[in-house]
Protein backbone atom coordinates (compact mmCIF):
# COMPACT_ATOMS: atom_id res chain seq x y z
CA GLN A 1 0.20 -0.10 0.03
CA VAL A 2 0.93 3.32 -0.85
CA GLN A 3 -0.16 6.34 0.01
CA LEU A 4 1.84 9.92 -0.57
CA VAL A 5 0.70 13.16 1.67
CA GLU A 6 1.76 16.87 0.52
CA SER A 7 2.12 19.99 2.27
CA GLY A 8 3.28 23.84 1.63
CA GLY A 9 1.24 25.05 -1.12
CA GLY A 10 -0.64 28.53 -0.38
CA LEU A 11 -0.54 32.49 -1.95
CA VAL A 12 2.56 34.54 -2.23
CA GLN A 13 3.37 37.31 -3.64
CA ALA A 14 5.90 37.28 -6.86
CA GLY A 15 9.40 37.00 -5.54
CA GLU A 16 8.35 35.10 -2.48
CA SER A 17 9.35 31.47 -1.50
CA LEU A 18 7.30 28.56 -0.85
CA ARG A 19 8.82 25.61 0.50
CA LEU A 20 6.28 21.55 -0.79
CA SER A 21 7.02 18.61 1.30
CA CYS A 22 5.61 15.45 -0.19
CA VAL A 23 5.54 12.15 2.76
CA ALA A 24 5.55 8.29 0.98
CA SER A 25 4.08 5.57 3.36
CA VAL A 26 5.23 2.81 1.56
CA THR A 27 5.27 -0.91 2.28
CA PHE A 28 6.65 -3.95 0.73
CA PHE A 29 8.31 -1.62 -2.21
CA SER A 30 11.65 0.21 -1.93
CA ILE A 31 11.28 4.01 -3.47
CA ASN A 32 13.69 5.01 -6.62
CA ARG A 33 13.14 8.57 -8.17
CA MET A 34 10.64 10.76 -6.22
CA GLY A 35 10.00 14.43 -7.88
CA TRP A 36 7.35 17.04 -8.44
CA TYR A 37 5.11 17.72 -11.40
CA ARG A 38 3.24 20.73 -12.36
CA GLN A 39 -0.03 21.53 -14.05
CA SER A 40 -1.51 24.38 -14.88
CA PRO A 41 -5.40 25.18 -16.81
CA GLY A 42 -4.86 24.10 -20.47
CA LYS A 43 -1.14 22.84 -20.28
CA LYS A 44 0.10 19.20 -20.07
CA ARG A 45 1.47 18.40 -16.58
CA GLU A 46 5.22 18.71 -16.84
CA LEU A 47 8.25 17.60 -14.95
CA VAL A 48 9.82 20.52 -12.46
CA SER A 49 12.29 18.52 -10.73
CA SER A 50 13.54 14.43 -9.75
CA ILE A 51 15.88 13.40 -7.18
CA THR A 52 17.37 9.67 -7.24
CA THR A 53 17.71 7.60 -4.58
CA GLY A 54 21.53 8.73 -4.45
CA GLY A 55 21.20 12.26 -5.36
CA ILE A 56 21.08 12.95 -8.61
CA THR A 57 19.18 15.84 -9.56
CA ASN A 58 17.06 16.86 -12.72
CA TYR A 59 15.17 20.40 -13.06
CA ALA A 60 13.26 22.15 -16.19
CA ASP A 61 15.10 24.53 -17.88
CA SER A 62 12.40 27.38 -16.65
CA VAL A 63 13.48 26.64 -12.69
CA LYS A 64 16.97 25.96 -12.80
CA GLY A 65 18.48 28.26 -10.30
CA ARG A 66 15.28 29.07 -8.28
CA PHE A 67 13.60 25.58 -6.94
CA THR A 68 16.22 23.53 -5.62
CA ILE A 69 15.40 19.69 -4.74
CA SER A 70 15.59 17.75 -1.76
CA ARG A 71 14.79 13.95 -0.13
CA ASP A 72 15.32 12.60 3.28
CA ASN A 73 15.49 8.93 2.49
CA ALA A 74 15.06 7.94 6.48
CA LYS A 75 11.79 9.75 6.48
CA ASN A 76 10.66 8.80 2.33
CA THR A 77 10.35 12.51 1.75
CA VAL A 78 11.29 14.74 -0.68
CA TYR A 79 11.11 19.09 -0.66
CA LEU A 80 10.95 21.54 -3.12
CA GLN A 81 11.94 24.86 -2.17
CA MET A 82 10.73 27.13 -4.99
CA ASN A 83 12.19 30.70 -4.18
CA SER A 84 12.05 33.52 -6.40
CA LEU A 85 8.88 32.81 -7.32
CA LYS A 86 6.94 33.65 -11.02
CA PRO A 87 3.23 33.97 -11.82
CA GLU A 88 4.14 31.88 -14.72
CA ASP A 89 4.58 29.14 -11.82
CA THR A 90 0.93 28.94 -10.70
CA ALA A 91 -0.36 25.58 -10.88
CA VAL A 92 -1.12 22.70 -9.23
CA TYR A 93 1.84 20.71 -8.06
CA TYR A 94 1.53 16.79 -7.73
CA CYS A 95 4.14 14.67 -5.92
CA HIS A 96 5.46 12.06 -7.78
CA ILE A 97 7.38 8.74 -6.82
CA LEU A 98 8.59 6.06 -8.78
CA LEU A 99 8.82 2.62 -7.09
CA SER A 100 10.66 -0.85 -7.47
CA GLY A 101 9.19 -2.68 -10.40
CA SER A 102 8.33 0.33 -12.39
CA ARG A 103 5.33 1.44 -10.41
CA ASP A 104 4.45 5.05 -10.77
CA VAL A 105 2.30 6.85 -7.26
CA TRP A 106 0.73 9.77 -7.23
CA GLY A 107 0.06 12.45 -5.05
CA GLN A 108 -3.31 14.00 -4.62
CA GLY A 109 -1.85 17.35 -5.95
CA THR A 110 -0.98 21.02 -3.88
CA GLN A 111 -2.29 24.82 -5.57
CA VAL A 112 0.90 27.36 -5.77
CA THR A 113 -0.65 30.14 -6.37
CA VAL A 114 2.00 33.15 -7.14
CA SER A 115 0.01 37.06 -7.63
CA SER A 116 2.07 39.72 -9.39
């Protein structure tokens, strides 16, 4: 059984920061890659950032230098520190984990709104 619990979304002004957290409750599987995707109205869901168990990170070009992903393997938790937020970062952010056996699991999503 797998459950993801996200937190940290909200409404901020441009230039401010937010930190998203996602805690994974997992049994019988191990977690490989963890990450964050986002989707805004009328657009496809896109990868924001991901991190492997070994700490290798990947970022969308639009967030490089502003967002930082990290994870605590002991706590099965992934974080996304978002700095210098822009109105175009407004979206629903989804936590994603890739389990052993290539099983994908998604969180319920958390809204991030950045006002100009």
